Amino acid sequence: MIPVGRISIDQYHEMVRNGILTTDDRVELLDGQLVAKPRRTPKSRFMSRLTDDALTACAPEGWFVWRHPSITLADSEPEPDLAIVRGPVTDYVHRHPGASEVALVVEASDLAINFARTLKKQIFAAAGIPIYWILNVVDEQLEVFENPSGNAETAEYRASRILKRGERATVQIGDAIVGPIPIEAMLP
């Protein structure tokens, strides 16, 4: 990424409204910069779909799983593969959800795994999104990050673990555990 200047969320939204950026432009706003989104491989799409099905099966009433949502943050609008969002979906007819309305985000990553582990993770932690999952397509495992702390450059998740076949991921919304998901349910 070669920075050409920072833009605000409002400027980014204005670019979308005026057709300067369209759905054909594979970019997202991260830390005030337009960043190219990596290409998705068939395997990452497949694993993302399996994860969508598993999360949808355990999402409690008042929450829903959203594919490729835009999440409006202070200086970023990341578009993770999946998110569990407080709903109903009609709440978002005229706006994107903010961090306080998101319980969990998922990135299915292979080509950009290091990007998911660095800038994306830091942005989600700084926003206070409680749980961040990286569905590691290459190693066929789930990287779980919880308990965000810090802000901006110091943001981090205080707890992390790697789950493999034979283990279960806990889906938690607030204080409620809404379901364990076997890792195999998200893998080919």
N, C-alpha and C. Protein backbone atom coordinates (compact mmCIF):
# COMPACT_ATOMS: atom_id res chain seq x y z
N MET A 1 0.85 -1.17 0.00
CA MET A 1 0.00 0.00 0.00
C MET A 1 0.90 1.23 0.00
N ILE A 2 0.65 2.14 -0.94
CA ILE A 2 1.36 3.40 -0.99
C ILE A 2 0.38 4.49 -0.61
N PRO A 3 0.55 5.11 0.57
CA PRO A 3 -0.41 6.13 0.99
C PRO A 3 -0.38 7.34 0.07
N VAL A 4 -1.54 7.84 -0.28
CA VAL A 4 -1.64 9.04 -1.10
C VAL A 4 -2.35 10.15 -0.33
N GLY A 5 -2.70 9.93 0.89
CA GLY A 5 -3.38 10.91 1.72
C GLY A 5 -4.53 10.26 2.46
N ARG A 6 -4.81 10.79 3.62
CA ARG A 6 -5.88 10.24 4.45
C ARG A 6 -7.21 10.84 4.03
N ILE A 7 -8.26 10.05 4.14
CA ILE A 7 -9.61 10.55 3.92
C ILE A 7 -10.47 10.17 5.12
N SER A 8 -11.49 10.95 5.34
CA SER A 8 -12.38 10.71 6.48
C SER A 8 -13.51 9.77 6.07
N ILE A 9 -14.22 9.27 7.06
CA ILE A 9 -15.41 8.45 6.80
C ILE A 9 -16.40 9.23 5.95
N ASP A 10 -16.62 10.51 6.28
CA ASP A 10 -17.57 11.33 5.52
C ASP A 10 -17.13 11.48 4.07
N GLN A 11 -15.84 11.69 3.84
CA GLN A 11 -15.34 11.80 2.46
C GLN A 11 -15.52 10.47 1.72
N TYR A 12 -15.26 9.39 2.41
CA TYR A 12 -15.42 8.06 1.82
C TYR A 12 -16.87 7.83 1.41
N HIS A 13 -17.81 8.14 2.31
CA HIS A 13 -19.24 7.98 2.00
C HIS A 13 -19.66 8.89 0.85
N GLU A 14 -19.10 10.07 0.80
CA GLU A 14 -19.41 11.00 -0.30
C GLU A 14 -18.91 10.44 -1.64
N MET A 15 -17.75 9.82 -1.62
CA MET A 15 -17.21 9.19 -2.84
C MET A 15 -18.14 8.08 -3.32
N VAL A 16 -18.72 7.33 -2.40
CA VAL A 16 -19.67 6.27 -2.75
C VAL A 16 -20.95 6.89 -3.30
N ARG A 17 -21.49 7.88 -2.59
CA ARG A 17 -22.74 8.53 -3.03
C ARG A 17 -22.61 9.13 -4.42
N ASN A 18 -21.44 9.68 -4.73
CA ASN A 18 -21.25 10.34 -6.02
C ASN A 18 -20.76 9.40 -7.12
N GLY A 19 -20.67 8.10 -6.83
CA GLY A 19 -20.29 7.13 -7.84
C GLY A 19 -18.80 7.09 -8.15
N ILE A 20 -18.00 7.79 -7.34
CA ILE A 20 -16.55 7.74 -7.54
C ILE A 20 -16.03 6.35 -7.17
N LEU A 21 -16.60 5.80 -6.12
CA LEU A 21 -16.33 4.41 -5.74
C LEU A 21 -17.62 3.62 -5.93
N THR A 22 -17.51 2.47 -6.56
CA THR A 22 -18.68 1.62 -6.79
C THR A 22 -18.39 0.23 -6.25
N THR A 23 -19.37 -0.63 -6.34
CA THR A 23 -19.17 -2.02 -5.88
C THR A 23 -18.14 -2.75 -6.73
N ASP A 24 -17.81 -2.22 -7.91
CA ASP A 24 -16.77 -2.82 -8.74
C ASP A 24 -15.37 -2.49 -8.23
N ASP A 25 -15.26 -1.45 -7.43
CA ASP A 25 -13.96 -1.07 -6.86
C ASP A 25 -13.71 -1.92 -5.62
N ARG A 26 -12.70 -2.75 -5.69
CA ARG A 26 -12.41 -3.68 -4.60
C ARG A 26 -11.50 -3.00 -3.58
N VAL A 27 -12.07 -2.00 -2.87
CA VAL A 27 -11.32 -1.28 -1.85
C VAL A 27 -12.17 -1.15 -0.59
N GLU A 28 -11.49 -0.90 0.51
CA GLU A 28 -12.16 -0.57 1.76
C GLU A 28 -11.33 0.50 2.45
N LEU A 29 -11.96 1.26 3.32
CA LEU A 29 -11.27 2.32 4.05
C LEU A 29 -10.74 1.74 5.35
N LEU A 30 -9.42 1.76 5.49
CA LEU A 30 -8.77 1.24 6.69
C LEU A 30 -7.79 2.28 7.20
N ASP A 31 -8.01 2.73 8.41
CA ASP A 31 -7.14 3.71 9.04
C ASP A 31 -6.96 4.94 8.15
N GLY A 32 -8.06 5.42 7.55
CA GLY A 32 -8.04 6.61 6.73
C GLY A 32 -7.46 6.46 5.34
N GLN A 33 -7.13 5.23 4.95
CA GLN A 33 -6.53 4.96 3.64
C GLN A 33 -7.42 4.02 2.83
N LEU A 34 -7.52 4.26 1.54
CA LEU A 34 -8.19 3.30 0.67
C LEU A 34 -7.22 2.15 0.42
N VAL A 35 -7.66 0.95 0.74
CA VAL A 35 -6.81 -0.23 0.64
C VAL A 35 -7.50 -1.25 -0.26
N ALA A 36 -6.73 -1.82 -1.19
CA ALA A 36 -7.28 -2.85 -2.08
C ALA A 36 -7.61 -4.10 -1.27
N LYS A 37 -8.80 -4.64 -1.53
CA LYS A 37 -9.19 -5.90 -0.89
C LYS A 37 -8.55 -7.05 -1.67
N PRO A 38 -8.03 -8.04 -0.95
CA PRO A 38 -7.42 -9.17 -1.65
C PRO A 38 -8.47 -10.01 -2.37
N ARG A 39 -8.03 -10.67 -3.41
CA ARG A 39 -8.89 -11.60 -4.14
C ARG A 39 -9.28 -12.74 -3.23
N ARG A 40 -10.45 -13.26 -3.47
CA ARG A 40 -10.94 -14.41 -2.69
C ARG A 40 -10.76 -15.66 -3.54
N THR A 41 -10.27 -16.70 -2.91
CA THR A 41 -10.09 -17.98 -3.60
C THR A 41 -11.35 -18.83 -3.42
N PRO A 42 -11.52 -19.82 -4.27
CA PRO A 42 -12.68 -20.70 -4.08
C PRO A 42 -12.72 -21.33 -2.69
N LYS A 43 -11.57 -21.73 -2.17
CA LYS A 43 -11.55 -22.36 -0.85
C LYS A 43 -11.94 -21.37 0.24
N SER A 44 -11.50 -20.11 0.16
CA SER A 44 -11.88 -19.14 1.18
C SER A 44 -13.37 -18.84 1.10
N ARG A 45 -13.93 -18.79 -0.10
CA ARG A 45 -15.38 -18.59 -0.25
C ARG A 45 -16.16 -19.77 0.35
N PHE A 46 -15.67 -20.97 0.10
CA PHE A 46 -16.32 -22.18 0.60
C PHE A 46 -16.31 -22.21 2.13
N MET A 47 -15.13 -21.94 2.72
CA MET A 47 -15.03 -21.97 4.17
C MET A 47 -15.83 -20.84 4.81
N SER A 48 -15.88 -19.71 4.15
CA SER A 48 -16.70 -18.61 4.65
C SER A 48 -18.18 -19.00 4.65
N ARG A 49 -18.61 -19.68 3.60
CA ARG A 49 -20.01 -20.11 3.52
C ARG A 49 -20.34 -21.13 4.62
N LEU A 50 -19.45 -22.07 4.85
CA LEU A 50 -19.66 -23.04 5.92
C LEU A 50 -19.76 -22.35 7.28
N THR A 51 -18.91 -21.37 7.49
CA THR A 51 -18.91 -20.62 8.75
C THR A 51 -20.19 -19.81 8.89
N ASP A 52 -20.64 -19.22 7.79
CA ASP A 52 -21.91 -18.49 7.78
C ASP A 52 -23.04 -19.41 8.24
N ASP A 53 -23.12 -20.60 7.67
CA ASP A 53 -24.17 -21.55 8.05
C ASP A 53 -24.08 -21.92 9.54
N ALA A 54 -22.86 -22.16 10.03
CA ALA A 54 -22.67 -22.56 11.43
C ALA A 54 -23.05 -21.42 12.38
N LEU A 55 -22.65 -20.20 12.05
CA LEU A 55 -22.99 -19.05 12.90
C LEU A 55 -24.48 -18.76 12.87
N THR A 56 -25.08 -18.85 11.69
CA THR A 56 -26.52 -18.59 11.56
C THR A 56 -27.32 -19.57 12.42
N ALA A 57 -26.86 -20.81 12.51
CA ALA A 57 -27.56 -21.82 13.29
C ALA A 57 -27.56 -21.51 14.79
N CYS A 58 -26.59 -20.71 15.24
CA CYS A 58 -26.54 -20.44 16.69
C CYS A 58 -26.78 -18.97 17.04
N ALA A 59 -27.00 -18.11 16.06
CA ALA A 59 -27.27 -16.69 16.37
C ALA A 59 -28.61 -16.58 17.11
N PRO A 60 -28.61 -15.93 18.26
CA PRO A 60 -29.85 -15.83 19.05
C PRO A 60 -30.80 -14.79 18.45
N GLU A 61 -32.02 -14.82 18.93
CA GLU A 61 -33.00 -13.83 18.50
C GLU A 61 -32.47 -12.43 18.80
N GLY A 62 -32.68 -11.53 17.87
CA GLY A 62 -32.19 -10.17 18.03
C GLY A 62 -30.82 -9.94 17.42
N TRP A 63 -30.25 -10.98 16.85
CA TRP A 63 -28.95 -10.91 16.19
C TRP A 63 -29.05 -11.65 14.87
N PHE A 64 -28.21 -11.28 13.90
CA PHE A 64 -28.18 -11.99 12.63
C PHE A 64 -26.76 -12.01 12.07
N VAL A 65 -26.50 -12.96 11.17
CA VAL A 65 -25.20 -13.06 10.52
C VAL A 65 -25.29 -12.30 9.20
N TRP A 66 -24.33 -11.41 8.98
CA TRP A 66 -24.31 -10.59 7.77
C TRP A 66 -23.05 -10.91 6.99
N ARG A 67 -23.23 -11.23 5.71
CA ARG A 67 -22.10 -11.49 4.81
C ARG A 67 -21.57 -10.18 4.26
N HIS A 68 -20.29 -9.99 4.33
CA HIS A 68 -19.58 -8.82 3.78
C HIS A 68 -20.18 -7.49 4.20
N PRO A 69 -20.43 -7.30 5.49
CA PRO A 69 -20.98 -6.01 5.91
C PRO A 69 -19.89 -4.94 5.89
N SER A 70 -20.30 -3.72 5.73
CA SER A 70 -19.42 -2.58 6.01
C SER A 70 -19.71 -2.19 7.45
N ILE A 71 -18.67 -1.98 8.23
CA ILE A 71 -18.82 -1.58 9.62
C ILE A 71 -18.19 -0.19 9.76
N THR A 72 -19.01 0.79 10.11
CA THR A 72 -18.52 2.16 10.20
C THR A 72 -17.85 2.40 11.54
N LEU A 73 -16.55 2.75 11.49
CA LEU A 73 -15.75 3.03 12.67
C LEU A 73 -15.24 4.47 12.57
N ALA A 74 -14.42 4.89 13.50
CA ALA A 74 -13.96 6.29 13.54
C ALA A 74 -13.25 6.72 12.26
N ASP A 75 -12.29 5.93 11.80
CA ASP A 75 -11.56 6.31 10.58
C ASP A 75 -11.38 5.13 9.63
N SER A 76 -12.26 4.15 9.77
CA SER A 76 -12.20 2.95 8.93
C SER A 76 -13.61 2.47 8.63
N GLU A 77 -13.74 1.76 7.54
CA GLU A 77 -14.98 1.06 7.25
C GLU A 77 -14.62 -0.30 6.66
N PRO A 78 -14.14 -1.19 7.55
CA PRO A 78 -13.74 -2.52 7.09
C PRO A 78 -14.95 -3.32 6.62
N GLU A 79 -14.68 -4.28 5.76
CA GLU A 79 -15.72 -5.16 5.23
C GLU A 79 -15.30 -6.61 5.45
N PRO A 80 -15.48 -7.11 6.68
CA PRO A 80 -15.10 -8.50 6.95
C PRO A 80 -15.98 -9.47 6.17
N ASP A 81 -15.59 -10.71 6.13
CA ASP A 81 -16.38 -11.72 5.43
C ASP A 81 -17.72 -11.94 6.10
N LEU A 82 -17.73 -11.97 7.43
CA LEU A 82 -18.96 -12.20 8.18
C LEU A 82 -18.94 -11.38 9.46
N ALA A 83 -20.13 -11.09 9.95
CA ALA A 83 -20.25 -10.46 11.26
C ALA A 83 -21.57 -10.88 11.88
N ILE A 84 -21.58 -11.03 13.19
CA ILE A 84 -22.83 -11.18 13.92
C ILE A 84 -23.21 -9.78 14.39
N VAL A 85 -24.38 -9.33 13.93
CA VAL A 85 -24.81 -7.95 14.12
C VAL A 85 -26.14 -7.94 14.87
N ARG A 86 -26.28 -6.95 15.78
CA ARG A 86 -27.55 -6.76 16.48
C ARG A 86 -28.57 -6.32 15.44
N GLY A 87 -29.74 -6.94 15.47
CA GLY A 87 -30.74 -6.68 14.44
C GLY A 87 -32.08 -6.38 14.99
N PRO A 88 -33.00 -6.03 14.16
CA PRO A 88 -33.23 -6.59 12.83
C PRO A 88 -32.42 -5.87 11.74
N VAL A 89 -32.32 -6.55 10.61
CA VAL A 89 -31.56 -6.02 9.49
C VAL A 89 -32.13 -4.69 9.00
N THR A 90 -33.42 -4.46 9.22
CA THR A 90 -34.03 -3.20 8.79
C THR A 90 -33.45 -1.99 9.53
N ASP A 91 -32.75 -2.20 10.63
CA ASP A 91 -32.08 -1.10 11.31
C ASP A 91 -30.99 -0.48 10.44
N TYR A 92 -30.57 -1.20 9.40
CA TYR A 92 -29.41 -0.78 8.61
C TYR A 92 -29.78 -0.44 7.17
N VAL A 93 -31.01 -0.01 6.96
CA VAL A 93 -31.44 0.40 5.62
C VAL A 93 -30.66 1.64 5.18
N HIS A 94 -30.41 2.57 6.09
CA HIS A 94 -29.80 3.84 5.73
C HIS A 94 -28.41 4.06 6.34
N ARG A 95 -27.89 3.04 7.00
CA ARG A 95 -26.56 3.17 7.60
C ARG A 95 -25.95 1.79 7.81
N HIS A 96 -24.64 1.79 8.02
CA HIS A 96 -23.94 0.55 8.35
C HIS A 96 -23.90 0.40 9.87
N PRO A 97 -23.75 -0.81 10.35
CA PRO A 97 -23.61 -0.97 11.81
C PRO A 97 -22.30 -0.35 12.30
N GLY A 98 -22.32 0.05 13.55
CA GLY A 98 -21.11 0.52 14.21
C GLY A 98 -20.56 -0.59 15.10
N ALA A 99 -19.41 -0.34 15.68
CA ALA A 99 -18.74 -1.37 16.49
C ALA A 99 -19.60 -1.87 17.64
N SER A 100 -20.38 -1.00 18.27
CA SER A 100 -21.17 -1.42 19.42
C SER A 100 -22.32 -2.35 19.03
N GLU A 101 -22.60 -2.47 17.75
CA GLU A 101 -23.68 -3.33 17.27
C GLU A 101 -23.16 -4.65 16.71
N VAL A 102 -21.86 -4.88 16.85
CA VAL A 102 -21.22 -6.07 16.29
C VAL A 102 -20.64 -6.90 17.43
N ALA A 103 -21.02 -8.18 17.47
CA ALA A 103 -20.52 -9.08 18.52
C ALA A 103 -19.28 -9.85 18.09
N LEU A 104 -19.17 -10.14 16.80
CA LEU A 104 -18.09 -10.98 16.31
C LEU A 104 -17.87 -10.66 14.85
N VAL A 105 -16.61 -10.61 14.41
CA VAL A 105 -16.29 -10.49 12.99
C VAL A 105 -15.41 -11.66 12.58
N VAL A 106 -15.55 -12.04 11.31
CA VAL A 106 -14.79 -13.17 10.76
C VAL A 106 -14.15 -12.76 9.45
N GLU A 107 -12.86 -13.03 9.34
CA GLU A 107 -12.14 -12.89 8.07
C GLU A 107 -11.69 -14.28 7.65
N ALA A 108 -12.14 -14.72 6.48
CA ALA A 108 -11.62 -15.96 5.89
C ALA A 108 -10.43 -15.56 5.05
N SER A 109 -9.24 -15.99 5.43
CA SER A 109 -8.05 -15.43 4.80
C SER A 109 -7.05 -16.50 4.41
N ASP A 110 -6.52 -16.33 3.21
CA ASP A 110 -5.40 -17.15 2.78
C ASP A 110 -4.34 -16.26 2.13
N LEU A 111 -4.70 -15.54 1.09
CA LEU A 111 -3.74 -14.70 0.37
C LEU A 111 -3.26 -13.52 1.20
N ALA A 112 -4.07 -13.07 2.14
CA ALA A 112 -3.71 -11.89 2.94
C ALA A 112 -3.74 -12.19 4.43
N ILE A 113 -3.28 -13.36 4.82
CA ILE A 113 -3.36 -13.77 6.21
C ILE A 113 -2.59 -12.82 7.13
N ASN A 114 -1.43 -12.35 6.70
CA ASN A 114 -0.65 -11.44 7.55
C ASN A 114 -1.36 -10.09 7.72
N PHE A 115 -2.03 -9.63 6.69
CA PHE A 115 -2.81 -8.40 6.75
C PHE A 115 -3.96 -8.56 7.75
N ALA A 116 -4.61 -9.73 7.75
CA ALA A 116 -5.69 -10.01 8.70
C ALA A 116 -5.16 -10.04 10.14
N ARG A 117 -3.93 -10.50 10.31
CA ARG A 117 -3.34 -10.62 11.64
C ARG A 117 -2.76 -9.31 12.16
N THR A 118 -2.60 -8.33 11.30
CA THR A 118 -1.97 -7.08 11.72
C THR A 118 -2.98 -5.92 11.69
N LEU A 119 -3.06 -5.22 10.56
CA LEU A 119 -3.89 -4.01 10.49
C LEU A 119 -5.35 -4.29 10.78
N LYS A 120 -5.92 -5.33 10.18
CA LYS A 120 -7.35 -5.62 10.41
C LYS A 120 -7.59 -5.92 11.90
N LYS A 121 -6.75 -6.74 12.48
CA LYS A 121 -6.91 -7.09 13.89
C LYS A 121 -6.80 -5.85 14.77
N GLN A 122 -5.85 -4.99 14.48
CA GLN A 122 -5.66 -3.78 15.26
C GLN A 122 -6.88 -2.85 15.15
N ILE A 123 -7.44 -2.73 13.94
CA ILE A 123 -8.61 -1.87 13.73
C ILE A 123 -9.80 -2.40 14.52
N PHE A 124 -10.05 -3.71 14.45
CA PHE A 124 -11.18 -4.29 15.19
C PHE A 124 -10.98 -4.17 16.69
N ALA A 125 -9.75 -4.37 17.17
CA ALA A 125 -9.47 -4.23 18.60
C ALA A 125 -9.66 -2.78 19.06
N ALA A 126 -9.16 -1.84 18.28
CA ALA A 126 -9.29 -0.42 18.64
C ALA A 126 -10.76 0.00 18.71
N ALA A 127 -11.59 -0.61 17.87
CA ALA A 127 -13.02 -0.28 17.86
C ALA A 127 -13.76 -0.96 19.01
N GLY A 128 -13.10 -1.90 19.69
CA GLY A 128 -13.74 -2.59 20.81
C GLY A 128 -14.65 -3.73 20.39
N ILE A 129 -14.48 -4.23 19.17
CA ILE A 129 -15.28 -5.38 18.74
C ILE A 129 -14.82 -6.58 19.56
N PRO A 130 -15.75 -7.20 20.31
CA PRO A 130 -15.36 -8.17 21.34
C PRO A 130 -14.60 -9.40 20.84
N ILE A 131 -14.98 -9.93 19.69
CA ILE A 131 -14.37 -11.18 19.22
C ILE A 131 -14.04 -11.04 17.74
N TYR A 132 -12.84 -11.45 17.38
CA TYR A 132 -12.37 -11.44 16.00
C TYR A 132 -11.86 -12.83 15.67
N TRP A 133 -12.42 -13.42 14.62
CA TRP A 133 -11.98 -14.73 14.16
C TRP A 133 -11.28 -14.58 12.82
N ILE A 134 -10.13 -15.23 12.69
CA ILE A 134 -9.50 -15.39 11.38
C ILE A 134 -9.65 -16.86 11.02
N LEU A 135 -10.42 -17.10 9.99
CA LEU A 135 -10.56 -18.45 9.46
C LEU A 135 -9.36 -18.65 8.54
N ASN A 136 -8.34 -19.31 9.06
CA ASN A 136 -7.08 -19.50 8.34
C ASN A 136 -7.27 -20.61 7.31
N VAL A 137 -7.42 -20.19 6.07
CA VAL A 137 -7.73 -21.12 4.97
C VAL A 137 -6.53 -22.02 4.66
N VAL A 138 -5.33 -21.47 4.74
CA VAL A 138 -4.12 -22.22 4.39
C VAL A 138 -3.90 -23.38 5.37
N ASP A 139 -3.95 -23.08 6.66
CA ASP A 139 -3.67 -24.09 7.69
C ASP A 139 -4.92 -24.81 8.18
N GLU A 140 -6.08 -24.43 7.63
CA GLU A 140 -7.36 -25.02 8.02
C GLU A 140 -7.53 -25.03 9.53
N GLN A 141 -7.51 -23.83 10.11
CA GLN A 141 -7.68 -23.66 11.54
C GLN A 141 -8.36 -22.32 11.79
N LEU A 142 -8.84 -22.14 13.01
CA LEU A 142 -9.49 -20.91 13.40
C LEU A 142 -8.63 -20.20 14.42
N GLU A 143 -8.30 -18.93 14.15
CA GLU A 143 -7.54 -18.11 15.07
C GLU A 143 -8.55 -17.20 15.77
N VAL A 144 -8.65 -17.29 17.07
CA VAL A 144 -9.65 -16.58 17.86
C VAL A 144 -8.97 -15.50 18.70
N PHE A 145 -9.49 -14.28 18.61
CA PHE A 145 -8.97 -13.14 19.38
C PHE A 145 -10.12 -12.54 20.17
N GLU A 146 -9.89 -12.33 21.47
CA GLU A 146 -10.93 -11.81 22.37
C GLU A 146 -10.34 -10.79 23.33
N ASN A 147 -11.23 -10.05 23.99
CA ASN A 147 -10.86 -9.06 25.02
C ASN A 147 -9.99 -7.94 24.46
N PRO A 148 -10.59 -7.08 23.62
CA PRO A 148 -9.82 -5.97 23.06
C PRO A 148 -9.44 -4.95 24.12
N SER A 149 -8.29 -4.32 23.91
CA SER A 149 -7.86 -3.25 24.80
C SER A 149 -6.99 -2.28 24.01
N GLY A 150 -6.83 -1.10 24.56
CA GLY A 150 -6.01 -0.08 23.92
C GLY A 150 -6.78 0.67 22.85
N ASN A 151 -6.10 1.61 22.21
CA ASN A 151 -6.71 2.34 21.11
C ASN A 151 -5.65 2.67 20.07
N ALA A 152 -6.11 2.96 18.87
CA ALA A 152 -5.24 3.31 17.74
C ALA A 152 -4.06 2.35 17.63
N GLU A 153 -2.85 2.87 17.71
CA GLU A 153 -1.66 2.03 17.47
C GLU A 153 -1.38 1.01 18.56
N THR A 154 -1.95 1.18 19.75
CA THR A 154 -1.67 0.26 20.85
C THR A 154 -2.75 -0.81 21.01
N ALA A 155 -3.76 -0.79 20.16
CA ALA A 155 -4.87 -1.73 20.31
C ALA A 155 -4.42 -3.16 20.07
N GLU A 156 -4.97 -4.04 20.87
CA GLU A 156 -4.63 -5.46 20.77
C GLU A 156 -5.74 -6.26 21.42
N TYR A 157 -5.80 -7.53 21.10
CA TYR A 157 -6.67 -8.47 21.80
C TYR A 157 -5.81 -9.16 22.85
N ARG A 158 -6.29 -9.17 24.10
CA ARG A 158 -5.51 -9.73 25.20
C ARG A 158 -5.52 -11.25 25.23
N ALA A 159 -6.51 -11.87 24.61
CA ALA A 159 -6.57 -13.33 24.62
C ALA A 159 -6.60 -13.83 23.18
N SER A 160 -5.85 -14.88 22.91
CA SER A 160 -5.87 -15.49 21.58
C SER A 160 -5.60 -16.98 21.71
N ARG A 161 -6.14 -17.70 20.76
CA ARG A 161 -5.88 -19.14 20.70
C ARG A 161 -6.14 -19.63 19.28
N ILE A 162 -5.56 -20.77 18.99
CA ILE A 162 -5.75 -21.41 17.69
C ILE A 162 -6.51 -22.71 17.91
N LEU A 163 -7.58 -22.88 17.14
CA LEU A 163 -8.40 -24.08 17.25
C LEU A 163 -8.28 -24.89 15.97
N LYS A 164 -8.16 -26.19 16.15
CA LYS A 164 -8.00 -27.11 15.01
C LYS A 164 -9.08 -28.17 15.04
N ARG A 165 -9.07 -29.02 14.04
CA ARG A 165 -10.04 -30.12 13.97
C ARG A 165 -10.10 -30.85 15.32
N GLY A 166 -11.30 -31.21 15.72
CA GLY A 166 -11.48 -31.89 17.00
C GLY A 166 -11.79 -30.94 18.15
N GLU A 167 -11.64 -29.64 17.90
CA GLU A 167 -11.94 -28.65 18.93
C GLU A 167 -13.21 -27.89 18.55
N ARG A 168 -13.68 -27.08 19.50
CA ARG A 168 -14.91 -26.30 19.28
C ARG A 168 -14.65 -24.83 19.55
N ALA A 169 -15.25 -23.98 18.71
CA ALA A 169 -15.20 -22.54 18.92
C ALA A 169 -16.44 -22.13 19.70
N THR A 170 -16.26 -21.30 20.68
CA THR A 170 -17.37 -20.79 21.47
C THR A 170 -17.86 -19.49 20.86
N VAL A 171 -19.15 -19.43 20.59
CA VAL A 171 -19.76 -18.19 20.10
C VAL A 171 -20.39 -17.51 21.29
N GLN A 172 -19.89 -16.31 21.59
CA GLN A 172 -20.37 -15.58 22.75
C GLN A 172 -20.85 -14.20 22.32
N ILE A 173 -22.03 -13.83 22.83
CA ILE A 173 -22.57 -12.50 22.59
C ILE A 173 -22.83 -11.89 23.96
N GLY A 174 -22.07 -10.87 24.28
CA GLY A 174 -22.13 -10.31 25.63
C GLY A 174 -21.67 -11.36 26.61
N ASP A 175 -22.48 -11.61 27.63
CA ASP A 175 -22.14 -12.62 28.64
C ASP A 175 -22.70 -14.00 28.31
N ALA A 176 -23.48 -14.09 27.22
CA ALA A 176 -24.16 -15.34 26.89
C ALA A 176 -23.37 -16.16 25.87
N ILE A 177 -23.17 -17.42 26.21
CA ILE A 177 -22.60 -18.36 25.25
C ILE A 177 -23.77 -18.93 24.47
N VAL A 178 -23.77 -18.67 23.16
CA VAL A 178 -24.94 -19.05 22.35
C VAL A 178 -24.71 -20.32 21.55
N GLY A 179 -23.52 -20.83 21.59
CA GLY A 179 -23.32 -22.11 20.92
C GLY A 179 -21.88 -22.42 20.64
N PRO A 180 -21.51 -23.66 20.83
CA PRO A 180 -20.21 -24.11 20.36
C PRO A 180 -20.33 -24.57 18.91
N ILE A 181 -19.29 -24.32 18.14
CA ILE A 181 -19.24 -24.77 16.74
C ILE A 181 -18.03 -25.67 16.58
N PRO A 182 -18.22 -26.91 16.15
CA PRO A 182 -17.06 -27.76 15.88
C PRO A 182 -16.25 -27.15 14.73
N ILE A 183 -14.95 -27.14 14.88
CA ILE A 183 -14.09 -26.56 13.84
C ILE A 183 -14.33 -27.26 12.49
N GLU A 184 -14.62 -28.56 12.53
CA GLU A 184 -14.88 -29.29 11.29
C GLU A 184 -16.06 -28.71 10.50
N ALA A 185 -16.98 -28.05 11.19
CA ALA A 185 -18.13 -27.47 10.51
C ALA A 185 -17.76 -26.30 9.61
N MET A 186 -16.53 -25.76 9.80
CA MET A 186 -16.07 -24.61 9.02
C MET A 186 -14.99 -24.99 8.02
N LEU A 187 -14.63 -26.26 7.97
CA LEU A 187 -13.53 -26.70 7.11
C LEU A 187 -14.03 -27.65 6.02
N PRO A 188 -13.30 -27.67 4.90
CA PRO A 188 -13.69 -28.62 3.83
C PRO A 188 -13.43 -30.06 4.21
